[in-house]
Amino acid sequence: MSDPPPPPQVSPDGKFYWDGERWVPMQGQSPPPSAAPLQAPQAAPRSRNVGCVTHTTCLTLVGIFAAVAVVLLIAGVCSSIASHH
């Protein structure tokens, strides 16, 4: 049993179809129901994984680590200043 022929290739604006040799104007404004316009496949959005942790989670953890480091640095400077007085 053979597969059915693919639907005709329709121009992105939906006004022409390819007959194998040339672009032919469509009858009316909308393409026939079996002739869907060809579109580039859309890639599904994916999160970037680093091991088992997503990229966003890594950035969040780095931000938290940086914030804690700044707080500890400020606390150390303040205690150093207080001990000299």
N, C-alpha and C. Protein backbone atom coordinates (compact mmCIF):
# COMPACT_ATOMS: atom_id res chain seq x y z
N MET A 1 0.85 -1.18 0.00
CA MET A 1 0.00 0.00 0.00
C MET A 1 0.89 1.24 0.00
N SER A 2 0.64 2.21 -0.85
CA SER A 2 1.49 3.40 -0.92
C SER A 2 0.92 4.52 -0.06
N ASP A 3 1.81 5.41 0.36
CA ASP A 3 1.39 6.54 1.17
C ASP A 3 0.67 7.55 0.29
N PRO A 4 -0.29 8.31 0.87
CA PRO A 4 -0.96 9.35 0.08
C PRO A 4 0.05 10.44 -0.28
N PRO A 5 -0.18 11.15 -1.38
CA PRO A 5 0.76 12.21 -1.76
C PRO A 5 0.74 13.33 -0.74
N PRO A 6 1.88 14.02 -0.57
CA PRO A 6 1.91 15.12 0.40
C PRO A 6 1.04 16.28 -0.09
N PRO A 7 0.57 17.12 0.83
CA PRO A 7 -0.22 18.27 0.41
C PRO A 7 0.64 19.21 -0.43
N PRO A 8 0.01 19.99 -1.32
CA PRO A 8 0.81 20.90 -2.15
C PRO A 8 1.52 21.95 -1.31
N GLN A 9 2.68 22.39 -1.81
CA GLN A 9 3.44 23.43 -1.12
C GLN A 9 2.79 24.77 -1.43
N VAL A 10 2.45 25.51 -0.38
CA VAL A 10 1.79 26.81 -0.51
C VAL A 10 2.75 27.89 -0.08
N SER A 11 2.74 29.02 -0.78
CA SER A 11 3.62 30.14 -0.44
C SER A 11 3.26 30.67 0.94
N PRO A 12 4.22 31.29 1.65
CA PRO A 12 3.95 31.80 3.00
C PRO A 12 2.76 32.77 3.06
N ASP A 13 2.52 33.51 1.98
CA ASP A 13 1.38 34.44 2.02
C ASP A 13 0.07 33.75 1.66
N GLY A 14 0.11 32.47 1.27
CA GLY A 14 -1.09 31.72 0.97
C GLY A 14 -1.72 32.05 -0.37
N LYS A 15 -1.02 32.80 -1.24
CA LYS A 15 -1.61 33.23 -2.51
C LYS A 15 -1.20 32.36 -3.69
N PHE A 16 -0.19 31.48 -3.53
CA PHE A 16 0.30 30.66 -4.62
C PHE A 16 0.56 29.25 -4.12
N TYR A 17 0.53 28.26 -5.04
CA TYR A 17 0.98 26.91 -4.72
C TYR A 17 1.96 26.46 -5.79
N TRP A 18 2.86 25.55 -5.43
CA TRP A 18 3.89 25.06 -6.34
C TRP A 18 3.35 23.82 -7.04
N ASP A 19 3.30 23.86 -8.39
CA ASP A 19 2.77 22.71 -9.14
C ASP A 19 3.87 21.75 -9.58
N GLY A 20 5.08 21.97 -9.10
CA GLY A 20 6.22 21.13 -9.47
C GLY A 20 7.13 21.82 -10.47
N GLU A 21 6.60 22.85 -11.14
CA GLU A 21 7.41 23.59 -12.11
C GLU A 21 7.35 25.10 -11.88
N ARG A 22 6.25 25.59 -11.36
CA ARG A 22 6.10 27.04 -11.18
C ARG A 22 5.09 27.32 -10.08
N TRP A 23 5.09 28.58 -9.58
CA TRP A 23 4.12 29.02 -8.58
C TRP A 23 2.83 29.42 -9.30
N VAL A 24 1.73 28.82 -8.90
CA VAL A 24 0.43 29.05 -9.54
C VAL A 24 -0.45 29.82 -8.57
N PRO A 25 -1.14 30.90 -9.05
CA PRO A 25 -2.02 31.65 -8.14
C PRO A 25 -3.14 30.75 -7.61
N MET A 26 -3.48 30.96 -6.34
CA MET A 26 -4.57 30.21 -5.70
C MET A 26 -5.90 30.75 -6.20
N GLN A 27 -6.90 29.90 -6.25
CA GLN A 27 -8.26 30.33 -6.58
C GLN A 27 -8.88 30.88 -5.30
N GLY A 28 -9.11 32.19 -5.19
CA GLY A 28 -9.62 32.79 -3.96
C GLY A 28 -8.48 33.15 -3.04
N GLN A 29 -8.80 33.65 -1.87
CA GLN A 29 -7.78 34.13 -0.93
C GLN A 29 -7.25 33.03 -0.01
N SER A 30 -8.06 32.04 0.33
CA SER A 30 -7.58 31.05 1.28
C SER A 30 -7.19 29.77 0.56
N PRO A 31 -6.12 29.09 1.02
CA PRO A 31 -5.70 27.85 0.38
C PRO A 31 -6.70 26.74 0.65
N PRO A 32 -6.71 25.71 -0.19
CA PRO A 32 -7.60 24.57 0.07
C PRO A 32 -7.27 23.94 1.42
N PRO A 33 -8.25 23.28 2.06
CA PRO A 33 -8.02 22.74 3.41
C PRO A 33 -6.84 21.79 3.50
N SER A 34 -6.54 21.03 2.44
CA SER A 34 -5.43 20.07 2.52
C SER A 34 -4.09 20.72 2.25
N ALA A 35 -4.07 22.00 1.87
CA ALA A 35 -2.82 22.66 1.53
C ALA A 35 -2.45 23.69 2.57
N ALA A 36 -1.85 23.23 3.64
CA ALA A 36 -1.42 24.14 4.70
C ALA A 36 -0.11 24.79 4.30
N PRO A 37 0.08 26.10 4.57
CA PRO A 37 1.34 26.75 4.23
C PRO A 37 2.51 26.10 4.96
N LEU A 38 3.64 26.00 4.27
CA LEU A 38 4.83 25.45 4.90
C LEU A 38 5.44 26.49 5.82
N GLN A 39 5.77 26.08 7.01
CA GLN A 39 6.39 26.98 7.98
C GLN A 39 7.59 26.28 8.57
N ALA A 40 8.54 27.08 8.99
CA ALA A 40 9.71 26.51 9.65
C ALA A 40 9.26 25.86 10.96
N PRO A 41 9.77 24.68 11.28
CA PRO A 41 9.39 24.04 12.53
C PRO A 41 9.80 24.90 13.72
N GLN A 42 8.94 24.96 14.70
CA GLN A 42 9.21 25.72 15.91
C GLN A 42 9.83 24.79 16.95
N ALA A 43 10.98 25.18 17.44
CA ALA A 43 11.63 24.38 18.49
C ALA A 43 10.94 24.65 19.82
N ALA A 44 10.70 23.60 20.55
CA ALA A 44 10.10 23.75 21.87
C ALA A 44 11.10 24.42 22.80
N PRO A 45 10.63 25.37 23.61
CA PRO A 45 11.57 26.00 24.54
C PRO A 45 12.11 24.97 25.53
N ARG A 46 13.41 25.00 25.71
CA ARG A 46 14.03 24.06 26.63
C ARG A 46 14.87 24.82 27.63
N SER A 47 14.90 24.33 28.84
CA SER A 47 15.81 24.94 29.81
C SER A 47 17.16 24.27 29.65
N ARG A 48 18.20 25.06 29.84
CA ARG A 48 19.54 24.50 29.73
C ARG A 48 19.86 23.78 31.02
N ASN A 49 20.32 22.56 30.92
CA ASN A 49 20.64 21.77 32.10
C ASN A 49 22.14 21.70 32.31
N VAL A 50 22.54 21.84 33.55
CA VAL A 50 23.93 21.64 33.94
C VAL A 50 23.87 20.50 34.93
N GLY A 51 24.16 19.30 34.46
CA GLY A 51 23.96 18.13 35.29
C GLY A 51 22.46 17.94 35.48
N CYS A 52 22.02 17.95 36.72
CA CYS A 52 20.59 17.80 36.98
C CYS A 52 19.98 19.12 37.44
N VAL A 53 20.71 20.23 37.31
CA VAL A 53 20.24 21.54 37.76
C VAL A 53 20.08 22.43 36.54
N THR A 54 18.97 23.16 36.46
CA THR A 54 18.76 24.03 35.31
C THR A 54 19.65 25.26 35.39
N HIS A 55 19.83 25.91 34.27
CA HIS A 55 20.65 27.12 34.17
C HIS A 55 20.13 28.20 35.11
N THR A 56 18.80 28.36 35.17
CA THR A 56 18.20 29.38 36.04
C THR A 56 18.51 29.10 37.50
N THR A 57 18.44 27.83 37.89
CA THR A 57 18.74 27.47 39.28
C THR A 57 20.20 27.78 39.61
N CYS A 58 21.09 27.52 38.67
CA CYS A 58 22.51 27.84 38.89
C CYS A 58 22.70 29.35 39.10
N LEU A 59 22.05 30.15 38.25
CA LEU A 59 22.17 31.61 38.40
C LEU A 59 21.61 32.07 39.74
N THR A 60 20.51 31.48 40.17
CA THR A 60 19.92 31.84 41.46
C THR A 60 20.88 31.50 42.59
N LEU A 61 21.47 30.33 42.54
CA LEU A 61 22.40 29.92 43.59
C LEU A 61 23.64 30.81 43.62
N VAL A 62 24.14 31.19 42.45
CA VAL A 62 25.30 32.09 42.39
C VAL A 62 24.93 33.45 42.99
N GLY A 63 23.73 33.94 42.69
CA GLY A 63 23.27 35.22 43.25
C GLY A 63 23.17 35.17 44.77
N ILE A 64 22.62 34.09 45.29
CA ILE A 64 22.50 33.94 46.75
C ILE A 64 23.89 33.88 47.38
N PHE A 65 24.79 33.12 46.77
CA PHE A 65 26.16 33.00 47.29
C PHE A 65 26.84 34.37 47.30
N ALA A 66 26.66 35.15 46.23
CA ALA A 66 27.28 36.47 46.16
C ALA A 66 26.70 37.39 47.23
N ALA A 67 25.38 37.32 47.45
CA ALA A 67 24.76 38.17 48.47
C ALA A 67 25.28 37.82 49.86
N VAL A 68 25.39 36.54 50.15
CA VAL A 68 25.91 36.11 51.45
C VAL A 68 27.36 36.56 51.62
N ALA A 69 28.16 36.45 50.56
CA ALA A 69 29.56 36.87 50.63
C ALA A 69 29.65 38.37 50.92
N VAL A 70 28.80 39.17 50.29
CA VAL A 70 28.82 40.62 50.53
C VAL A 70 28.44 40.93 51.96
N VAL A 71 27.41 40.26 52.48
CA VAL A 71 26.99 40.49 53.87
C VAL A 71 28.12 40.11 54.84
N LEU A 72 28.76 38.98 54.60
CA LEU A 72 29.86 38.58 55.48
C LEU A 72 31.04 39.54 55.38
N LEU A 73 31.32 40.06 54.19
CA LEU A 73 32.39 41.03 54.02
C LEU A 73 32.09 42.31 54.78
N ILE A 74 30.85 42.80 54.66
CA ILE A 74 30.46 44.02 55.38
C ILE A 74 30.52 43.79 56.88
N ALA A 75 30.07 42.63 57.35
CA ALA A 75 30.11 42.33 58.79
C ALA A 75 31.57 42.28 59.27
N GLY A 76 32.46 41.70 58.47
CA GLY A 76 33.87 41.63 58.85
C GLY A 76 34.49 43.01 58.90
N VAL A 77 34.20 43.88 57.95
CA VAL A 77 34.74 45.23 57.95
C VAL A 77 34.21 45.99 59.15
N CYS A 78 32.93 45.87 59.44
CA CYS A 78 32.34 46.59 60.58
C CYS A 78 32.94 46.11 61.91
N SER A 79 33.15 44.81 62.04
CA SER A 79 33.73 44.33 63.30
C SER A 79 35.20 44.73 63.41
N SER A 80 35.89 44.81 62.31
CA SER A 80 37.27 45.27 62.33
C SER A 80 37.36 46.73 62.73
N ILE A 81 36.46 47.55 62.21
CA ILE A 81 36.43 48.97 62.57
C ILE A 81 36.07 49.13 64.04
N ALA A 82 35.09 48.33 64.51
CA ALA A 82 34.67 48.44 65.90
C ALA A 82 35.78 48.00 66.85
N SER A 83 36.60 47.03 66.49
CA SER A 83 37.65 46.55 67.39
C SER A 83 38.81 47.52 67.49
N HIS A 84 38.96 48.43 66.53
CA HIS A 84 40.02 49.43 66.59
C HIS A 84 39.65 50.65 67.39
N HIS A 85 38.40 50.78 67.77
CA HIS A 85 37.98 51.95 68.56
C HIS A 85 37.95 51.66 70.01
